[in-house]
Amino acid sequence: MEGILIPISLFLSVFGIFYLYLSTRNKERLALIEKGVDASVFMRGRQRTAPIWKVIILNLALLLMGIGVGVFLATILDHYTILDDAAYPASIFLTAGVGLFVGFKLTKNLDKD
């Protein structure tokens, strides 16, 4: 019985967040329409963005390359230094984070084009 409560509460939390987001957005848009605001305010910020598939592929590729470089760097550190098990997670997380940061910077440049 207790094992089912966690998935149910997780589902209800996610559902509640989405419901509040969508209902609030709907009420805000209806209030703007009642005031006579042009509908173009709803599309602001969507005109000059890169396609989402390009962003996902770019960030995923850089993340996987960062993990690969991290494993390679950890193997070198393990072989040539006295660092034992701490080298692997540290270098993997460090290079994966660098890869995601580079992906973020490249995504900003992708949006400018």
Protein backbone atom coordinates (compact mmCIF):
# COMPACT_ATOMS: atom_id res chain seq x y z
CA MET A 1 0.00 0.00 0.00
CA GLU A 2 2.78 2.43 0.89
CA GLY A 3 4.65 1.70 -2.34
CA ILE A 4 1.83 3.06 -4.48
CA LEU A 5 1.56 6.37 -2.61
CA ILE A 6 4.83 7.77 -3.96
CA PRO A 7 4.00 7.38 -7.69
CA ILE A 8 0.47 8.67 -7.11
CA SER A 9 1.71 11.73 -5.22
CA LEU A 10 4.36 12.39 -7.88
CA PHE A 11 1.76 12.19 -10.63
CA LEU A 12 -0.63 14.47 -8.75
CA SER A 13 2.14 17.01 -8.13
CA VAL A 14 3.14 17.14 -11.78
CA PHE A 15 -0.51 17.31 -12.86
CA GLY A 16 -1.17 20.13 -10.39
CA ILE A 17 1.79 22.16 -11.62
CA PHE A 18 0.74 21.82 -15.26
CA TYR A 19 -2.88 22.61 -14.44
CA LEU A 20 -1.95 25.77 -12.54
CA TYR A 21 0.40 26.87 -15.32
CA LEU A 22 -2.16 26.36 -18.08
CA SER A 23 -5.10 27.85 -16.20
CA THR A 24 -3.08 30.91 -15.17
CA ARG A 25 -1.87 31.41 -18.73
CA ASN A 26 -5.40 31.09 -20.03
CA LYS A 27 -6.77 33.64 -17.53
CA GLU A 28 -3.97 36.07 -18.36
CA ARG A 29 -4.63 35.79 -22.08
CA LEU A 30 -8.37 36.25 -21.61
CA ALA A 31 -7.74 39.39 -19.55
CA LEU A 32 -5.46 40.79 -22.27
CA ILE A 33 -8.05 40.03 -24.95
CA GLU A 34 -10.76 41.77 -22.92
CA LYS A 35 -8.57 44.89 -22.75
CA GLY A 36 -8.16 44.84 -26.53
CA VAL A 37 -4.46 44.02 -26.70
CA ASP A 38 -3.21 42.72 -30.06
CA ALA A 39 -2.68 38.95 -30.28
CA SER A 40 0.93 39.41 -31.39
CA VAL A 41 2.04 39.69 -27.74
CA PHE A 42 1.41 35.95 -27.40
CA MET A 43 3.91 35.17 -30.14
CA ARG A 44 6.69 37.43 -28.86
CA GLY A 45 9.99 35.59 -28.52
CA ARG A 46 9.04 32.72 -30.81
CA GLN A 47 10.01 34.25 -34.11
CA ARG A 48 13.78 34.09 -33.91
CA THR A 49 14.56 30.85 -32.11
CA ALA A 50 16.41 27.83 -33.41
CA PRO A 51 14.47 24.62 -33.97
CA ILE A 52 14.33 22.53 -30.82
CA TRP A 53 15.79 19.45 -32.51
CA LYS A 54 18.98 21.35 -33.33
CA VAL A 55 19.36 22.46 -29.71
CA ILE A 56 18.76 18.94 -28.37
CA ILE A 57 21.17 17.30 -30.78
CA LEU A 58 23.86 19.93 -30.13
CA ASN A 59 23.60 19.65 -26.34
CA LEU A 60 23.36 15.86 -26.37
CA ALA A 61 26.40 15.55 -28.63
CA LEU A 62 28.46 17.87 -26.46
CA LEU A 63 27.33 16.09 -23.29
CA LEU A 64 28.31 12.69 -24.65
CA MET A 65 31.65 14.02 -25.90
CA GLY A 66 32.26 15.54 -22.46
CA ILE A 67 31.52 12.20 -20.77
CA GLY A 68 33.87 10.42 -23.17
CA VAL A 69 36.66 12.91 -22.54
CA GLY A 70 35.99 12.59 -18.80
CA VAL A 71 36.37 8.80 -18.87
CA PHE A 72 39.56 9.13 -20.92
CA LEU A 73 40.96 11.77 -18.57
CA ALA A 74 40.03 9.67 -15.52
CA THR A 75 41.79 6.64 -16.98
CA ILE A 76 44.94 8.69 -17.51
CA LEU A 77 44.73 10.15 -14.00
CA ASP A 78 44.15 6.71 -12.49
CA HIS A 79 47.10 5.21 -14.32
CA TYR A 80 49.68 7.96 -13.76
CA THR A 81 48.72 9.39 -10.36
CA ILE A 82 47.82 8.09 -6.92
CA LEU A 83 44.17 9.12 -7.34
CA ASP A 84 42.05 6.01 -7.19
CA ASP A 85 38.29 6.00 -7.41
CA ALA A 86 37.73 9.74 -6.99
CA ALA A 87 39.17 10.55 -10.42
CA TYR A 88 36.35 8.92 -12.36
CA PRO A 89 33.26 10.75 -11.07
CA ALA A 90 35.11 14.03 -10.67
CA SER A 91 36.47 14.15 -14.20
CA ILE A 92 33.27 12.82 -15.77
CA PHE A 93 31.07 15.41 -14.06
CA LEU A 94 33.58 18.20 -14.71
CA THR A 95 33.91 17.55 -18.43
CA ALA A 96 30.17 16.85 -18.84
CA GLY A 97 29.46 20.22 -17.20
CA VAL A 98 31.96 21.92 -19.48
CA GLY A 99 30.27 20.25 -22.46
CA LEU A 100 26.85 21.49 -21.38
CA PHE A 101 28.21 25.00 -20.80
CA VAL A 102 29.73 25.04 -24.28
CA GLY A 103 26.40 23.77 -25.63
CA PHE A 104 24.61 26.63 -23.87
CA LYS A 105 26.97 29.18 -25.43
CA LEU A 106 26.63 27.61 -28.89
CA THR A 107 22.84 27.54 -28.54
CA LYS A 108 22.85 31.27 -27.85
CA ASN A 109 24.90 31.77 -31.02
CA LEU A 110 22.50 29.48 -32.91
CA ASP A 111 19.57 31.66 -31.86
CA LYS A 112 21.31 34.79 -33.22
CA ASP A 113 21.61 33.32 -36.72
